[in-house]
N, C-alpha and C. Protein backbone atom coordinates (compact mmCIF):
# COMPACT_ATOMS: atom_id res chain seq x y z
N MET A 1 -1.22 76.27 44.05
CA MET A 1 -2.43 76.66 44.79
C MET A 1 -2.02 77.16 46.17
N LEU A 2 -2.49 78.35 46.53
CA LEU A 2 -2.15 78.92 47.83
C LEU A 2 -2.98 78.32 48.94
N ARG A 3 -2.29 77.99 50.05
CA ARG A 3 -2.98 77.57 51.26
C ARG A 3 -3.24 78.81 52.10
N LEU A 4 -4.51 79.06 52.42
CA LEU A 4 -4.83 80.26 53.21
C LEU A 4 -4.48 80.07 54.68
N VAL A 5 -4.79 78.90 55.22
CA VAL A 5 -4.54 78.64 56.64
C VAL A 5 -3.69 77.38 56.75
N PRO A 6 -2.38 77.51 56.94
CA PRO A 6 -1.51 76.34 57.00
C PRO A 6 -1.62 75.64 58.35
N LYS A 7 -1.22 74.37 58.37
CA LYS A 7 -1.06 73.70 59.65
C LYS A 7 0.07 74.42 60.38
N GLN A 8 -0.18 74.94 61.57
CA GLN A 8 0.77 75.82 62.24
C GLN A 8 2.13 75.16 62.49
N ASP A 9 2.14 73.85 62.71
CA ASP A 9 3.38 73.18 63.04
C ASP A 9 4.26 72.89 61.83
N SER A 10 3.70 72.97 60.63
CA SER A 10 4.42 72.47 59.45
C SER A 10 5.73 73.21 59.21
N PHE A 11 5.74 74.53 59.32
CA PHE A 11 6.98 75.28 59.14
C PHE A 11 7.98 74.94 60.24
N PHE A 12 7.51 74.83 61.47
CA PHE A 12 8.40 74.55 62.58
C PHE A 12 9.03 73.17 62.46
N VAL A 13 8.28 72.21 61.97
CA VAL A 13 8.83 70.87 61.73
C VAL A 13 9.99 70.94 60.75
N LEU A 14 9.82 71.72 59.70
CA LEU A 14 10.88 71.86 58.70
C LEU A 14 12.07 72.64 59.24
N PHE A 15 11.83 73.67 60.06
CA PHE A 15 12.94 74.38 60.70
C PHE A 15 13.77 73.41 61.54
N GLU A 16 13.05 72.58 62.30
CA GLU A 16 13.72 71.62 63.18
C GLU A 16 14.52 70.60 62.38
N LYS A 17 13.98 70.17 61.24
CA LYS A 17 14.70 69.24 60.38
C LYS A 17 15.98 69.88 59.85
N GLN A 18 15.88 71.13 59.43
CA GLN A 18 17.06 71.82 58.91
C GLN A 18 18.09 72.02 60.02
N ALA A 19 17.64 72.42 61.21
CA ALA A 19 18.56 72.64 62.33
C ALA A 19 19.25 71.34 62.73
N ALA A 20 18.50 70.23 62.71
CA ALA A 20 19.09 68.93 63.05
C ALA A 20 20.13 68.51 62.02
N THR A 21 19.91 68.90 60.76
CA THR A 21 20.88 68.59 59.71
C THR A 21 22.15 69.41 59.89
N VAL A 22 22.00 70.66 60.27
CA VAL A 22 23.16 71.51 60.59
C VAL A 22 23.96 70.88 61.72
N GLN A 23 23.25 70.46 62.74
CA GLN A 23 23.86 69.82 63.90
C GLN A 23 24.61 68.55 63.47
N LYS A 24 24.00 67.76 62.62
CA LYS A 24 24.62 66.52 62.13
C LYS A 24 25.90 66.81 61.37
N ALA A 25 25.89 67.85 60.56
CA ALA A 25 27.09 68.23 59.79
C ALA A 25 28.22 68.66 60.71
N ALA A 26 27.89 69.44 61.75
CA ALA A 26 28.92 69.90 62.69
C ALA A 26 29.55 68.72 63.42
N HIS A 27 28.73 67.77 63.82
CA HIS A 27 29.25 66.58 64.50
C HIS A 27 30.10 65.74 63.54
N ALA A 28 29.70 65.69 62.28
CA ALA A 28 30.49 64.96 61.28
C ALA A 28 31.85 65.63 61.07
N LEU A 29 31.87 66.98 61.09
CA LEU A 29 33.14 67.69 60.98
C LEU A 29 34.02 67.41 62.20
N ALA A 30 33.41 67.34 63.37
CA ALA A 30 34.17 67.03 64.59
C ALA A 30 34.75 65.62 64.50
N ASP A 31 34.00 64.69 63.94
CA ASP A 31 34.50 63.33 63.75
C ASP A 31 35.71 63.34 62.81
N LEU A 32 35.62 64.14 61.75
CA LEU A 32 36.75 64.27 60.81
C LEU A 32 37.98 64.82 61.51
N MET A 33 37.79 65.83 62.36
CA MET A 33 38.92 66.49 63.01
C MET A 33 39.55 65.65 64.12
N THR A 34 38.75 64.81 64.78
CA THR A 34 39.27 64.05 65.91
C THR A 34 39.73 62.65 65.52
N ASP A 35 39.25 62.16 64.37
CA ASP A 35 39.68 60.85 63.86
C ASP A 35 39.84 60.99 62.36
N TYR A 36 41.08 61.26 61.94
CA TYR A 36 41.31 61.67 60.56
C TYR A 36 41.43 60.50 59.58
N ARG A 37 41.19 59.30 60.05
CA ARG A 37 41.18 58.16 59.14
C ARG A 37 39.99 58.28 58.18
N GLU A 38 40.19 57.84 56.95
CA GLU A 38 39.14 57.89 55.92
C GLU A 38 38.59 59.31 55.76
N ALA A 39 39.50 60.26 55.73
CA ALA A 39 39.10 61.68 55.68
C ALA A 39 38.27 61.98 54.44
N GLU A 40 38.63 61.42 53.32
CA GLU A 40 37.89 61.72 52.09
C GLU A 40 36.45 61.24 52.18
N ASP A 41 36.25 60.05 52.73
CA ASP A 41 34.89 59.52 52.90
C ASP A 41 34.08 60.39 53.86
N LYS A 42 34.73 60.85 54.92
CA LYS A 42 34.03 61.67 55.90
C LYS A 42 33.66 63.04 55.32
N ALA A 43 34.56 63.59 54.50
CA ALA A 43 34.25 64.87 53.84
C ALA A 43 33.10 64.69 52.86
N SER A 44 33.10 63.56 52.16
CA SER A 44 32.02 63.26 51.22
C SER A 44 30.68 63.12 51.95
N LYS A 45 30.72 62.53 53.13
CA LYS A 45 29.50 62.40 53.94
C LYS A 45 28.95 63.78 54.29
N ILE A 46 29.82 64.71 54.63
CA ILE A 46 29.39 66.07 54.97
C ILE A 46 28.76 66.75 53.76
N THR A 47 29.33 66.51 52.59
CA THR A 47 28.73 67.06 51.36
C THR A 47 27.32 66.51 51.16
N GLY A 48 27.14 65.23 51.44
CA GLY A 48 25.80 64.64 51.34
C GLY A 48 24.82 65.25 52.32
N ILE A 49 25.29 65.52 53.53
CA ILE A 49 24.44 66.16 54.54
C ILE A 49 24.03 67.56 54.07
N GLU A 50 24.99 68.27 53.49
CA GLU A 50 24.70 69.62 52.98
C GLU A 50 23.65 69.57 51.88
N HIS A 51 23.72 68.58 51.02
CA HIS A 51 22.72 68.43 49.96
C HIS A 51 21.34 68.13 50.55
N ASP A 52 21.30 67.30 51.59
CA ASP A 52 20.02 67.02 52.27
C ASP A 52 19.42 68.30 52.84
N ALA A 53 20.28 69.12 53.43
CA ALA A 53 19.80 70.38 54.01
C ALA A 53 19.30 71.33 52.94
N ASP A 54 19.95 71.32 51.78
CA ASP A 54 19.48 72.15 50.66
C ASP A 54 18.05 71.77 50.27
N GLU A 55 17.78 70.47 50.26
CA GLU A 55 16.44 70.01 49.91
C GLU A 55 15.41 70.49 50.93
N ILE A 56 15.79 70.46 52.20
CA ILE A 56 14.88 70.95 53.24
C ILE A 56 14.63 72.45 53.07
N ALA A 57 15.71 73.19 52.79
CA ALA A 57 15.58 74.64 52.58
C ALA A 57 14.67 74.93 51.40
N HIS A 58 14.84 74.18 50.31
CA HIS A 58 13.98 74.37 49.14
C HIS A 58 12.53 74.05 49.46
N GLU A 59 12.32 73.02 50.28
CA GLU A 59 10.95 72.66 50.66
C GLU A 59 10.30 73.78 51.47
N ILE A 60 11.08 74.39 52.36
CA ILE A 60 10.55 75.50 53.16
C ILE A 60 10.16 76.67 52.25
N ILE A 61 11.02 76.99 51.29
CA ILE A 61 10.74 78.10 50.39
C ILE A 61 9.53 77.80 49.50
N ARG A 62 9.43 76.55 49.05
CA ARG A 62 8.25 76.17 48.26
C ARG A 62 6.98 76.33 49.08
N LYS A 63 7.05 75.91 50.33
CA LYS A 63 5.88 76.03 51.21
C LYS A 63 5.56 77.50 51.45
N LEU A 64 6.60 78.29 51.61
CA LEU A 64 6.41 79.73 51.83
C LEU A 64 5.72 80.37 50.63
N ASN A 65 6.10 79.94 49.44
CA ASN A 65 5.55 80.53 48.21
C ASN A 65 4.12 80.07 47.91
N THR A 66 3.66 79.03 48.59
CA THR A 66 2.31 78.53 48.35
C THR A 66 1.41 78.66 49.58
N THR A 67 1.88 79.43 50.57
CA THR A 67 1.11 79.63 51.79
C THR A 67 0.82 81.11 51.97
N PHE A 68 -0.44 81.44 52.14
CA PHE A 68 -0.83 82.84 52.26
C PHE A 68 -0.58 83.37 53.67
N VAL A 69 -0.94 82.57 54.68
CA VAL A 69 -0.78 82.97 56.08
C VAL A 69 0.30 82.10 56.71
N THR A 70 1.35 82.73 57.21
CA THR A 70 2.45 81.98 57.81
C THR A 70 2.49 82.21 59.33
N PRO A 71 3.01 81.25 60.09
CA PRO A 71 2.99 81.37 61.56
C PRO A 71 3.91 82.46 62.09
N ILE A 72 4.96 82.80 61.34
CA ILE A 72 5.83 83.93 61.68
C ILE A 72 6.07 84.75 60.41
N ASP A 73 6.66 85.92 60.57
CA ASP A 73 6.88 86.83 59.45
C ASP A 73 7.64 86.14 58.31
N ARG A 74 7.22 86.41 57.09
CA ARG A 74 7.83 85.76 55.92
C ARG A 74 9.32 86.09 55.80
N ASP A 75 9.68 87.34 56.08
CA ASP A 75 11.09 87.71 56.01
C ASP A 75 11.92 86.95 57.04
N ASP A 76 11.34 86.71 58.21
CA ASP A 76 12.04 85.95 59.25
C ASP A 76 12.27 84.50 58.80
N ILE A 77 11.29 83.95 58.10
CA ILE A 77 11.45 82.59 57.58
C ILE A 77 12.61 82.54 56.59
N HIS A 78 12.64 83.49 55.68
CA HIS A 78 13.75 83.56 54.72
C HIS A 78 15.09 83.68 55.45
N GLU A 79 15.14 84.53 56.46
CA GLU A 79 16.40 84.80 57.14
C GLU A 79 16.92 83.60 57.91
N ILE A 80 16.03 82.91 58.63
CA ILE A 80 16.50 81.79 59.43
C ILE A 80 16.91 80.61 58.54
N VAL A 81 16.19 80.41 57.43
CA VAL A 81 16.56 79.36 56.49
C VAL A 81 17.91 79.67 55.86
N SER A 82 18.11 80.91 55.46
CA SER A 82 19.36 81.33 54.84
C SER A 82 20.53 81.22 55.80
N ALA A 83 20.33 81.62 57.06
CA ALA A 83 21.42 81.57 58.04
C ALA A 83 21.84 80.14 58.33
N MET A 84 20.86 79.23 58.46
CA MET A 84 21.21 77.83 58.70
C MET A 84 21.91 77.23 57.49
N ASP A 85 21.47 77.63 56.30
CA ASP A 85 22.12 77.16 55.08
C ASP A 85 23.56 77.65 55.01
N ASP A 86 23.81 78.87 55.47
CA ASP A 86 25.17 79.41 55.49
C ASP A 86 26.08 78.59 56.40
N ILE A 87 25.57 78.20 57.56
CA ILE A 87 26.37 77.37 58.48
C ILE A 87 26.83 76.11 57.76
N LEU A 88 25.90 75.46 57.09
CA LEU A 88 26.23 74.23 56.39
C LEU A 88 27.24 74.45 55.27
N ASP A 89 27.09 75.54 54.55
CA ASP A 89 28.03 75.84 53.46
C ASP A 89 29.46 75.96 53.98
N PHE A 90 29.63 76.64 55.11
CA PHE A 90 30.98 76.83 55.64
C PHE A 90 31.53 75.55 56.28
N ILE A 91 30.65 74.73 56.87
CA ILE A 91 31.09 73.42 57.37
C ILE A 91 31.59 72.56 56.21
N GLU A 92 30.80 72.52 55.14
CA GLU A 92 31.21 71.74 53.97
C GLU A 92 32.52 72.27 53.40
N ALA A 93 32.66 73.58 53.34
CA ALA A 93 33.88 74.18 52.79
C ALA A 93 35.10 73.79 53.62
N ALA A 94 34.96 73.79 54.94
CA ALA A 94 36.09 73.41 55.80
C ALA A 94 36.49 71.96 55.55
N ALA A 95 35.50 71.07 55.49
CA ALA A 95 35.80 69.65 55.25
C ALA A 95 36.41 69.44 53.87
N ASP A 96 35.87 70.13 52.88
CA ASP A 96 36.36 70.00 51.51
C ASP A 96 37.82 70.44 51.40
N ARG A 97 38.17 71.55 52.07
CA ARG A 97 39.54 72.05 51.98
C ARG A 97 40.52 71.10 52.67
N MET A 98 40.07 70.41 53.71
CA MET A 98 40.95 69.45 54.38
C MET A 98 41.44 68.39 53.39
N VAL A 99 40.54 67.94 52.53
CA VAL A 99 40.89 66.92 51.55
C VAL A 99 41.58 67.53 50.34
N LEU A 100 41.02 68.63 49.84
CA LEU A 100 41.55 69.27 48.64
C LEU A 100 43.01 69.69 48.83
N TYR A 101 43.33 70.22 50.02
CA TYR A 101 44.68 70.69 50.29
C TYR A 101 45.61 69.59 50.81
N GLU A 102 45.09 68.36 50.84
CA GLU A 102 45.87 67.20 51.26
C GLU A 102 46.50 67.41 52.65
N ILE A 103 45.65 67.88 53.56
CA ILE A 103 46.09 68.09 54.94
C ILE A 103 46.46 66.74 55.56
N LYS A 104 47.63 66.69 56.19
CA LYS A 104 48.12 65.42 56.74
C LYS A 104 47.41 65.04 58.04
N GLU A 105 47.18 66.04 58.88
CA GLU A 105 46.46 65.81 60.13
C GLU A 105 45.92 67.13 60.66
N PRO A 106 44.81 67.09 61.38
CA PRO A 106 44.22 68.33 61.92
C PRO A 106 45.13 68.93 63.00
N THR A 107 45.05 70.22 63.15
CA THR A 107 45.78 70.90 64.22
C THR A 107 44.91 70.96 65.48
N ASP A 108 45.55 71.24 66.60
CA ASP A 108 44.80 71.42 67.84
C ASP A 108 43.82 72.59 67.71
N SER A 109 44.22 73.62 66.99
CA SER A 109 43.35 74.79 66.79
C SER A 109 42.09 74.41 66.02
N ALA A 110 42.24 73.58 64.99
CA ALA A 110 41.08 73.14 64.21
C ALA A 110 40.13 72.32 65.07
N VAL A 111 40.69 71.46 65.90
CA VAL A 111 39.86 70.64 66.80
C VAL A 111 39.11 71.53 67.78
N LYS A 112 39.80 72.54 68.34
CA LYS A 112 39.18 73.44 69.32
C LYS A 112 38.06 74.25 68.68
N LEU A 113 38.31 74.81 67.50
CA LEU A 113 37.28 75.59 66.81
C LEU A 113 36.06 74.73 66.48
N THR A 114 36.31 73.49 66.05
CA THR A 114 35.21 72.61 65.70
C THR A 114 34.39 72.23 66.92
N LYS A 115 35.05 72.05 68.05
CA LYS A 115 34.32 71.76 69.29
C LYS A 115 33.38 72.90 69.65
N ILE A 116 33.85 74.13 69.50
CA ILE A 116 33.01 75.30 69.76
C ILE A 116 31.82 75.31 68.79
N LEU A 117 32.10 75.01 67.52
CA LEU A 117 31.04 74.97 66.51
C LEU A 117 29.98 73.93 66.86
N VAL A 118 30.40 72.76 67.30
CA VAL A 118 29.44 71.71 67.68
C VAL A 118 28.53 72.20 68.80
N GLU A 119 29.12 72.81 69.81
CA GLU A 119 28.32 73.32 70.93
C GLU A 119 27.32 74.36 70.45
N ALA A 120 27.77 75.23 69.55
CA ALA A 120 26.88 76.29 69.05
C ALA A 120 25.73 75.71 68.23
N THR A 121 26.01 74.71 67.39
CA THR A 121 24.93 74.11 66.58
C THR A 121 23.97 73.31 67.46
N ASP A 122 24.48 72.68 68.50
CA ASP A 122 23.60 71.97 69.44
C ASP A 122 22.61 72.94 70.09
N LEU A 123 23.13 74.07 70.53
CA LEU A 123 22.27 75.07 71.18
C LEU A 123 21.29 75.69 70.18
N ALA A 124 21.76 75.92 68.96
CA ALA A 124 20.87 76.49 67.94
C ALA A 124 19.73 75.54 67.63
N ALA A 125 20.03 74.24 67.55
CA ALA A 125 18.98 73.25 67.29
C ALA A 125 17.96 73.24 68.41
N GLU A 126 18.42 73.37 69.65
CA GLU A 126 17.50 73.42 70.79
C GLU A 126 16.63 74.67 70.71
N ALA A 127 17.24 75.81 70.41
CA ALA A 127 16.49 77.07 70.33
C ALA A 127 15.43 77.00 69.23
N VAL A 128 15.78 76.42 68.08
CA VAL A 128 14.82 76.28 66.99
C VAL A 128 13.64 75.40 67.42
N THR A 129 13.93 74.35 68.16
CA THR A 129 12.86 73.45 68.64
C THR A 129 11.87 74.19 69.53
N PHE A 130 12.37 75.13 70.33
CA PHE A 130 11.50 75.88 71.24
C PHE A 130 10.63 76.91 70.52
N LEU A 131 10.92 77.20 69.25
CA LEU A 131 10.16 78.24 68.54
C LEU A 131 8.69 77.89 68.40
N ARG A 132 8.37 76.62 68.27
CA ARG A 132 6.96 76.26 68.04
C ARG A 132 6.09 76.59 69.26
N ASP A 133 6.71 76.76 70.42
CA ASP A 133 5.96 77.14 71.62
C ASP A 133 6.68 78.30 72.30
N MET A 134 7.02 79.32 71.49
CA MET A 134 7.93 80.36 71.95
C MET A 134 7.41 81.17 73.13
N ARG A 135 6.10 81.32 73.24
CA ARG A 135 5.57 82.12 74.35
C ARG A 135 5.86 81.45 75.70
N LYS A 136 5.78 80.14 75.73
CA LYS A 136 6.05 79.41 76.97
C LYS A 136 7.54 79.15 77.18
N GLN A 137 8.29 79.12 76.08
CA GLN A 137 9.70 78.74 76.16
C GLN A 137 10.64 79.94 75.98
N LEU A 138 10.13 81.13 76.22
CA LEU A 138 10.92 82.34 75.99
C LEU A 138 12.23 82.32 76.79
N GLY A 139 12.16 81.91 78.04
CA GLY A 139 13.35 81.85 78.88
C GLY A 139 14.38 80.86 78.35
N GLU A 140 13.89 79.70 77.92
CA GLU A 140 14.78 78.68 77.37
C GLU A 140 15.46 79.17 76.09
N ILE A 141 14.69 79.85 75.24
CA ILE A 141 15.24 80.38 73.99
C ILE A 141 16.33 81.41 74.27
N ARG A 142 16.03 82.34 75.16
CA ARG A 142 17.00 83.39 75.46
C ARG A 142 18.27 82.82 76.08
N GLU A 143 18.11 81.80 76.92
CA GLU A 143 19.27 81.15 77.54
C GLU A 143 20.19 80.56 76.47
N ARG A 144 19.60 79.90 75.48
CA ARG A 144 20.40 79.31 74.40
C ARG A 144 21.06 80.39 73.54
N CYS A 145 20.33 81.44 73.26
CA CYS A 145 20.87 82.50 72.42
C CYS A 145 22.04 83.21 73.10
N VAL A 146 21.93 83.45 74.38
CA VAL A 146 23.03 84.06 75.14
C VAL A 146 24.25 83.15 75.12
N ALA A 147 24.01 81.85 75.30
CA ALA A 147 25.11 80.88 75.29
C ALA A 147 25.80 80.83 73.92
N ILE A 148 25.01 80.93 72.85
CA ILE A 148 25.59 80.94 71.50
C ILE A 148 26.44 82.18 71.31
N ASN A 149 25.97 83.33 71.77
CA ASN A 149 26.76 84.56 71.68
C ASN A 149 28.09 84.42 72.43
N ARG A 150 28.04 83.75 73.57
CA ARG A 150 29.26 83.52 74.35
C ARG A 150 30.23 82.61 73.58
N LEU A 151 29.68 81.59 72.94
CA LEU A 151 30.52 80.69 72.15
C LEU A 151 31.13 81.40 70.94
N GLU A 152 30.38 82.33 70.36
CA GLU A 152 30.92 83.09 69.23
C GLU A 152 32.14 83.89 69.66
N ASN A 153 32.09 84.46 70.87
CA ASN A 153 33.25 85.18 71.40
C ASN A 153 34.43 84.23 71.60
N GLN A 154 34.13 83.03 72.10
CA GLN A 154 35.19 82.03 72.27
C GLN A 154 35.79 81.64 70.93
N GLY A 155 34.93 81.54 69.92
CA GLY A 155 35.40 81.22 68.58
C GLY A 155 36.34 82.29 68.05
N ASP A 156 35.99 83.55 68.29
CA ASP A 156 36.86 84.66 67.87
C ASP A 156 38.23 84.57 68.54
N GLN A 157 38.22 84.29 69.84
CA GLN A 157 39.48 84.19 70.57
C GLN A 157 40.31 83.01 70.08
N ALA A 158 39.66 81.87 69.86
CA ALA A 158 40.37 80.69 69.37
C ALA A 158 40.94 80.93 67.98
N ASN A 159 40.19 81.64 67.16
CA ASN A 159 40.66 81.92 65.80
C ASN A 159 41.85 82.87 65.82
N ARG A 160 41.80 83.87 66.69
CA ARG A 160 42.94 84.80 66.79
C ARG A 160 44.20 84.06 67.25
N ALA A 161 44.04 83.15 68.21
CA ALA A 161 45.18 82.37 68.69
C ALA A 161 45.73 81.48 67.57
N ALA A 162 44.82 80.91 66.78
CA ALA A 162 45.23 80.06 65.66
C ALA A 162 45.98 80.88 64.62
N MET A 163 45.49 82.09 64.35
CA MET A 163 46.16 82.96 63.38
C MET A 163 47.57 83.33 63.86
N ALA A 164 47.72 83.58 65.15
CA ALA A 164 49.03 83.94 65.70
C ALA A 164 50.03 82.81 65.47
N LYS A 165 49.59 81.57 65.62
CA LYS A 165 50.47 80.43 65.38
C LYS A 165 50.87 80.34 63.91
N LEU A 166 49.93 80.68 63.02
CA LEU A 166 50.24 80.62 61.59
C LEU A 166 51.34 81.60 61.21
N PHE A 167 51.35 82.76 61.85
CA PHE A 167 52.37 83.76 61.54
C PHE A 167 53.78 83.30 61.93
N GLN A 168 53.83 82.23 62.74
CA GLN A 168 55.13 81.69 63.14
C GLN A 168 55.64 80.63 62.17
N MET A 169 54.81 80.27 61.18
CA MET A 169 55.18 79.21 60.24
C MET A 169 55.96 79.79 59.05
N HIS A 170 57.09 80.41 59.35
CA HIS A 170 57.88 81.08 58.31
C HIS A 170 58.41 80.09 57.27
N ASP A 171 58.66 78.86 57.71
CA ASP A 171 59.24 77.88 56.80
C ASP A 171 58.18 77.11 55.99
N LYS A 172 56.89 77.34 56.31
CA LYS A 172 55.82 76.63 55.61
C LYS A 172 54.70 77.60 55.23
N PRO A 173 54.98 78.56 54.38
CA PRO A 173 53.97 79.58 54.05
C PRO A 173 52.73 79.02 53.37
N MET A 174 52.88 78.00 52.53
CA MET A 174 51.71 77.42 51.86
C MET A 174 50.80 76.71 52.85
N ASP A 175 51.40 76.01 53.80
CA ASP A 175 50.60 75.36 54.83
C ASP A 175 49.83 76.39 55.66
N ALA A 176 50.51 77.49 55.94
CA ALA A 176 49.86 78.56 56.71
C ALA A 176 48.64 79.11 55.96
N LEU A 177 48.77 79.29 54.66
CA LEU A 177 47.66 79.78 53.85
C LEU A 177 46.50 78.79 53.83
N LYS A 178 46.82 77.51 53.73
CA LYS A 178 45.78 76.48 53.72
C LYS A 178 44.99 76.51 55.03
N TRP A 179 45.72 76.54 56.15
CA TRP A 179 45.05 76.52 57.44
C TRP A 179 44.29 77.82 57.71
N ARG A 180 44.82 78.91 57.19
CA ARG A 180 44.10 80.18 57.36
C ARG A 180 42.69 80.08 56.77
N GLU A 181 42.57 79.48 55.60
CA GLU A 181 41.26 79.35 54.97
C GLU A 181 40.36 78.38 55.74
N ILE A 182 40.94 77.28 56.19
CA ILE A 182 40.15 76.29 56.94
C ILE A 182 39.63 76.90 58.24
N TYR A 183 40.52 77.58 58.97
CA TYR A 183 40.09 78.23 60.21
C TYR A 183 39.00 79.26 59.93
N HIS A 184 39.17 80.02 58.85
CA HIS A 184 38.18 81.04 58.49
C HIS A 184 36.80 80.40 58.28
N ASN A 185 36.76 79.26 57.60
CA ASN A 185 35.48 78.62 57.33
C ASN A 185 34.81 78.14 58.61
N ILE A 186 35.59 77.55 59.51
CA ILE A 186 35.00 77.06 60.77
C ILE A 186 34.54 78.24 61.63
N GLU A 187 35.39 79.26 61.73
CA GLU A 187 35.03 80.42 62.55
C GLU A 187 33.82 81.14 61.98
N THR A 188 33.71 81.21 60.66
CA THR A 188 32.55 81.86 60.05
C THR A 188 31.29 81.04 60.29
N ALA A 189 31.41 79.72 60.29
CA ALA A 189 30.26 78.88 60.62
C ALA A 189 29.76 79.18 62.03
N ILE A 190 30.70 79.41 62.95
CA ILE A 190 30.32 79.78 64.32
C ILE A 190 29.62 81.15 64.31
N ASP A 191 30.15 82.08 63.54
CA ASP A 191 29.51 83.41 63.41
C ASP A 191 28.07 83.26 62.92
N LYS A 192 27.85 82.36 61.96
CA LYS A 192 26.51 82.17 61.40
C LYS A 192 25.56 81.57 62.43
N CYS A 193 26.11 80.80 63.38
CA CYS A 193 25.27 80.31 64.48
C CYS A 193 24.76 81.48 65.31
N GLU A 194 25.62 82.48 65.51
CA GLU A 194 25.18 83.68 66.22
C GLU A 194 24.11 84.41 65.42
N ASP A 195 24.24 84.42 64.10
CA ASP A 195 23.19 85.03 63.26
C ASP A 195 21.86 84.33 63.49
N VAL A 196 21.88 83.00 63.55
CA VAL A 196 20.65 82.24 63.81
C VAL A 196 20.07 82.65 65.16
N ALA A 197 20.92 82.75 66.17
CA ALA A 197 20.46 83.16 67.50
C ALA A 197 19.83 84.54 67.47
N ASP A 198 20.46 85.47 66.76
CA ASP A 198 19.92 86.83 66.66
C ASP A 198 18.55 86.85 65.96
N ILE A 199 18.41 86.05 64.92
CA ILE A 199 17.14 85.97 64.19
C ILE A 199 16.06 85.39 65.09
N ILE A 200 16.42 84.34 65.84
CA ILE A 200 15.46 83.71 66.75
C ILE A 200 15.01 84.71 67.82
N GLU A 201 15.96 85.47 68.37
CA GLU A 201 15.59 86.48 69.37
C GLU A 201 14.65 87.53 68.76
N SER A 202 14.92 87.92 67.54
CA SER A 202 14.06 88.89 66.85
C SER A 202 12.66 88.32 66.66
N ILE A 203 12.58 87.06 66.29
CA ILE A 203 11.28 86.41 66.11
C ILE A 203 10.49 86.40 67.39
N THR A 204 11.17 86.08 68.50
CA THR A 204 10.46 86.02 69.79
C THR A 204 9.97 87.39 70.22
N LEU A 205 10.74 88.43 69.93
CA LEU A 205 10.33 89.78 70.29
C LEU A 205 9.06 90.18 69.54
N LYS A 206 8.95 89.72 68.29
CA LYS A 206 7.78 90.05 67.47
C LYS A 206 6.54 89.22 67.83
N ASN A 207 6.77 88.01 68.32
CA ASN A 207 5.64 87.06 68.43
C ASN A 207 5.33 86.57 69.83
N ALA A 208 6.30 86.66 70.74
CA ALA A 208 6.06 86.09 72.07
C ALA A 208 5.31 87.05 73.00
């Protein structure tokens, strides 16, 4: 049954829940990277968080399919849900590869990239929270989005530095390949945070 006039806050509540879950996963990955004890359990926890986020994403899509009038453009809802889901997928992939590849301990590069990711997800969660009152919070939203873009640049630089170190691992080519994939997953998660920021800025331009 289609709802013609939805409660305006309902979509925003779900966006905030999904963003908070993304944030939780990033912090869990940081915990894995900075304290590598019980790595398998910590990676499993991240998988559970990703599953929770999937349920939230499905709930948003179900609501979208049964709501006639939405508070923001339907395509924007699809895009922001998909972008946040992508962040979680790459966080889970990074954690999974740490265990699957039997990594002995995290590198300084992995810790640095994850720290940048945490900062980006924290800012994204704040920006998503401001969407429900975007006309009044336009300045706050733009400030967070600019900061996320800056962090994405830092992530690119950190990833390039990490790649340069891998090229020096002539005696351990398999280890280099393993870390290349892990770095790629973390750096791509940071890129997806920038996608969220870009979508949020687009939403504000249309609605604020």
